[in-house]
Protein backbone atom coordinates (compact mmCIF):
# COMPACT_ATOMS: atom_id res chain seq x y z
CA MET A 1 -163.14 236.70 50.97
CA SER A 2 -161.42 238.91 51.18
CA ASN A 3 -162.39 242.20 48.67
CA GLN A 4 -158.93 241.98 46.69
CA ILE A 5 -160.41 238.22 45.80
CA SER A 6 -164.21 239.09 45.37
CA LYS A 7 -162.79 242.09 42.93
CA SER A 8 -161.61 239.32 40.81
CA LEU A 9 -165.05 238.18 39.85
CA THR A 10 -166.29 241.47 38.25
CA THR A 11 -163.06 241.48 35.74
CA PRO A 12 -163.39 240.53 31.74
CA GLU A 13 -161.17 237.34 32.95
CA ALA A 14 -164.15 236.41 35.14
CA LYS A 15 -166.35 235.66 31.98
CA LEU A 16 -164.18 233.48 30.23
CA PHE A 17 -165.48 230.67 32.60
CA GLU A 18 -169.35 231.70 33.81
CA ASN A 19 -170.37 229.33 31.44
CA LYS A 20 -168.23 226.98 31.96
CA LEU A 21 -169.34 226.05 35.03
CA PRO A 22 -171.77 223.12 35.44
CA ALA A 23 -174.80 223.79 37.89
CA GLY A 24 -173.70 223.72 42.06
CA GLU A 25 -170.24 224.95 41.25
CA LYS A 26 -169.27 228.43 42.45
CA LEU A 27 -166.02 230.55 40.80
CA HIS A 28 -164.47 231.71 43.85
CA TRP A 29 -161.45 233.58 41.82
CA VAL A 30 -160.45 234.57 38.62
CA GLY A 31 -156.71 235.72 38.20
CA ARG A 32 -153.57 235.48 35.73
CA PRO A 33 -149.42 235.23 36.39
CA HIS A 34 -147.75 238.87 36.55
CA ARG A 35 -146.73 240.39 32.98
CA GLY A 36 -143.69 241.80 33.57
CA ARG A 37 -139.99 240.44 33.43
CA PHE A 38 -139.69 237.04 35.03
CA PRO A 39 -136.43 236.74 36.66
CA LEU A 40 -134.26 234.10 35.55
CA ARG A 41 -134.07 231.06 37.32
CA THR A 42 -130.55 229.38 39.24
CA ILE A 43 -130.07 227.06 36.00
CA ASP A 44 -129.99 230.09 33.63
CA TYR A 45 -127.37 231.85 36.06
CA LEU A 46 -125.50 228.94 35.78
CA VAL A 47 -125.68 228.16 32.00
CA LEU A 48 -124.75 232.10 31.36
CA GLY A 49 -122.13 231.81 34.21
CA VAL A 50 -120.13 228.55 32.48
CA THR A 51 -120.76 230.29 29.18
CA PHE A 52 -119.01 233.61 30.06
CA LEU A 53 -116.12 231.80 31.66
CA PHE A 54 -115.37 229.58 28.71
CA THR A 55 -115.28 232.41 26.57
CA VAL A 56 -112.54 233.76 28.28
CA LEU A 57 -110.89 230.47 28.49
CA ILE A 58 -111.00 229.99 25.31
CA GLY A 59 -109.98 233.77 24.20
CA ILE A 60 -106.20 232.78 26.47
CA TYR A 61 -106.33 230.05 24.60
CA PHE A 62 -106.66 231.25 21.02
CA ASN A 63 -104.32 233.81 21.88
CA ALA A 64 -101.12 231.56 23.52
CA TYR A 65 -101.78 229.00 20.49
CA ALA A 66 -101.33 231.63 18.26
CA VAL A 67 -98.55 233.42 20.21
CA LEU A 68 -96.27 229.93 21.09
CA PHE A 69 -97.06 228.18 17.73
CA LEU A 70 -97.04 231.55 15.89
CA TYR A 71 -100.33 229.62 13.58
CA PRO A 72 -103.56 231.13 13.44
CA THR A 73 -106.25 228.53 14.46
CA THR A 74 -108.56 227.21 11.55
CA LEU A 75 -112.31 229.31 10.94
CA GLU A 76 -113.38 225.62 11.54
CA LEU A 77 -112.57 225.36 15.35
CA LYS A 78 -113.89 229.13 15.77
CA LEU A 79 -117.05 228.58 14.48
CA SER A 80 -117.27 225.40 16.39
CA VAL A 81 -116.29 227.45 19.41
CA LEU A 82 -118.62 230.47 18.94
CA GLY A 83 -121.33 227.56 17.74
CA PHE A 84 -120.96 226.53 21.47
CA MET A 85 -121.21 229.61 23.23
CA VAL A 86 -124.17 230.78 21.13
CA LEU A 87 -126.57 227.85 21.81
CA PRO A 88 -126.81 227.89 25.76
CA VAL A 89 -127.32 231.74 25.52
CA ALA A 90 -129.84 231.40 23.34
CA THR A 91 -131.71 228.48 24.38
CA VAL A 92 -132.03 230.62 27.96
CA LEU A 93 -133.17 233.14 25.12
CA LEU A 94 -135.92 231.58 23.97
CA THR A 95 -137.07 229.96 27.43
CA TYR A 96 -137.41 233.51 28.71
CA ILE A 97 -139.44 234.44 25.73
CA ASP A 98 -141.83 231.60 25.39
CA ASP A 99 -142.00 232.14 29.70
CA ILE A 100 -143.45 235.90 28.97
CA GLN A 101 -145.62 234.29 25.40
CA LYS A 102 -146.79 231.99 27.87
CA ARG A 103 -147.82 234.06 31.19
CA LYS A 104 -149.25 236.17 28.30
CA ARG A 105 -151.75 233.60 27.48
CA ALA A 106 -152.61 232.10 31.03
CA VAL A 107 -155.96 232.76 32.79
CA PHE A 108 -156.77 230.92 36.54
CA ALA A 109 -159.64 229.96 38.09
CA VAL A 110 -160.43 228.94 41.61
CA THR A 111 -164.36 227.52 42.02
CA SER A 112 -165.65 225.31 44.57
CA HIS A 113 -164.10 222.18 43.73
CA ARG A 114 -161.59 222.69 40.98
CA ILE A 115 -158.46 225.07 39.62
CA ILE A 116 -158.34 225.33 35.83
CA LEU A 117 -156.01 226.35 34.14
CA MET A 118 -156.69 228.14 30.27
CA ASN A 119 -154.74 229.34 27.62
CA GLU A 120 -156.56 232.32 26.48
CA LEU A 121 -156.08 231.85 23.09
CA SER A 122 -156.79 228.49 22.89
CA GLY A 123 -159.60 227.80 25.20
CA ARG A 124 -157.35 224.98 26.03
CA MET A 125 -158.37 223.97 30.05
CA ASN A 126 -156.14 222.01 32.68
CA GLU A 127 -158.50 221.05 35.99
CA VAL A 128 -157.55 219.52 38.59
CA GLN A 129 -160.12 218.12 41.60
CA ILE A 130 -158.77 221.01 44.93
CA ALA A 131 -159.84 217.74 46.89
CA LYS A 132 -156.26 215.54 45.34
CA LEU A 133 -154.73 218.97 46.28
CA LYS A 134 -150.93 217.53 47.78
CA ASP A 135 -148.40 219.76 49.25
CA LEU A 136 -150.22 223.00 49.21
CA LYS A 137 -147.95 225.42 49.72
CA HIS A 138 -147.65 229.85 49.49
CA LYS A 139 -144.24 230.90 48.01
CA PRO A 140 -144.29 234.63 48.54
CA ARG A 141 -141.80 236.95 46.61
CA GLU A 142 -140.16 240.43 47.27
CA ASP A 143 -142.24 242.08 45.48
CA GLY A 144 -145.77 241.26 46.73
CA ARG A 145 -147.19 238.42 44.83
CA GLY A 146 -145.88 234.82 44.56
CA THR A 147 -147.32 231.51 43.86
CA VAL A 148 -149.47 228.46 45.38
CA ALA A 149 -147.94 226.09 45.08
CA PHE A 150 -149.36 222.32 44.80
CA ARG A 151 -149.62 218.81 43.32
CA ALA A 152 -152.32 217.27 41.53
CA PRO A 153 -153.80 215.28 39.12
CA LEU A 154 -154.95 216.52 36.25
CA MET A 155 -159.11 215.64 35.73
CA SER A 156 -158.41 214.77 32.33
CA ALA A 157 -156.20 211.93 33.39
CA LEU A 158 -158.39 210.45 35.76
CA THR A 159 -160.80 210.57 33.24
CA GLU A 160 -158.65 208.59 30.84
CA GLY A 161 -158.15 206.11 33.96
CA ASN A 162 -161.62 204.62 33.24
CA SER A 163 -160.45 203.35 30.19
CA SER A 164 -158.49 199.78 29.62
CA ASN A 165 -155.40 201.09 30.37
CA ARG A 166 -156.69 201.98 33.69
CA GLY A 167 -153.54 201.31 35.95
CA LYS A 168 -150.65 201.01 34.09
CA LYS A 169 -150.17 204.36 34.11
CA SER A 170 -149.94 206.89 36.72
CA PRO A 171 -151.87 210.29 35.93
CA PRO A 172 -149.70 213.24 35.14
CA ASN A 173 -149.55 215.79 37.97
CA ILE A 174 -149.65 219.50 37.49
CA THR A 175 -146.70 220.45 40.27
CA LYS A 176 -145.97 224.68 39.27
CA GLY A 177 -149.49 225.57 40.64
CA LEU A 178 -150.14 228.85 40.70
CA PRO A 179 -146.96 231.19 39.34
CA TRP A 180 -146.24 234.56 40.23
CA ILE A 181 -149.82 235.59 41.11
CA GLU A 182 -151.45 239.14 43.01
CA ASN A 183 -152.93 238.54 47.25
CA SER A 184 -150.95 234.81 46.32
CA GLU A 185 -151.89 234.36 50.40
CA GLU A 186 -155.36 235.17 50.24
CA VAL A 187 -155.87 232.83 47.04
CA HIS A 188 -153.66 230.39 48.78
CA ALA A 189 -156.09 230.72 52.06
CA LEU A 190 -159.54 230.53 50.02
CA ILE A 191 -157.69 227.17 47.81
CA ASP A 192 -156.55 225.78 51.68
CA ARG A 193 -160.19 226.89 52.91
CA LEU A 194 -162.15 224.63 50.06
CA HIS A 195 -159.93 221.74 50.39
CA LYS A 196 -160.35 221.46 53.70
CA ASP A 197 -163.96 221.87 53.13
CA SER A 198 -163.89 219.42 50.75
CA LYS A 199 -162.61 216.57 53.37
CA SER A 200 -165.16 216.97 55.96
């Protein structure tokens, strides 16, 4: 275990999990997603680009309409077009702000059997069994951080699957993994080792 991984067990965040582990389960790593500015997604750039292009074309249309027909466009039309332009930008902005707030509250932990994703504010936890991980990958970033991506069914969904509804639905999967964390390469190696140990 690297020094950075070991140091994570001495942080205040590690205390959030100390009383939540059953006997025989060991805490291996605790961390958070990066809290800084999150880069826009490709779809965000696409939405903003199309909105900008639409704004330019509509501006040209309004000017041409007024010149050719000597009749100004109606206020209702202008307001509807303005709403169409503002809505995509507002959606991207609200998504951006929501992501920042979620990352401020998120705390991650890796134990000998589970990966835990906790909302620090509410205390709510999503958990996945390391033995059931699929498509475990490391996605490094240029800033030295990275994402440990994987797919796995939620443990709560597996428990609910024992009810009368079992077999009617596939349990929902965690698909985002541990996004934008420090020492992501070491965390990926740790999870990969625990996953292989669970299969032996």
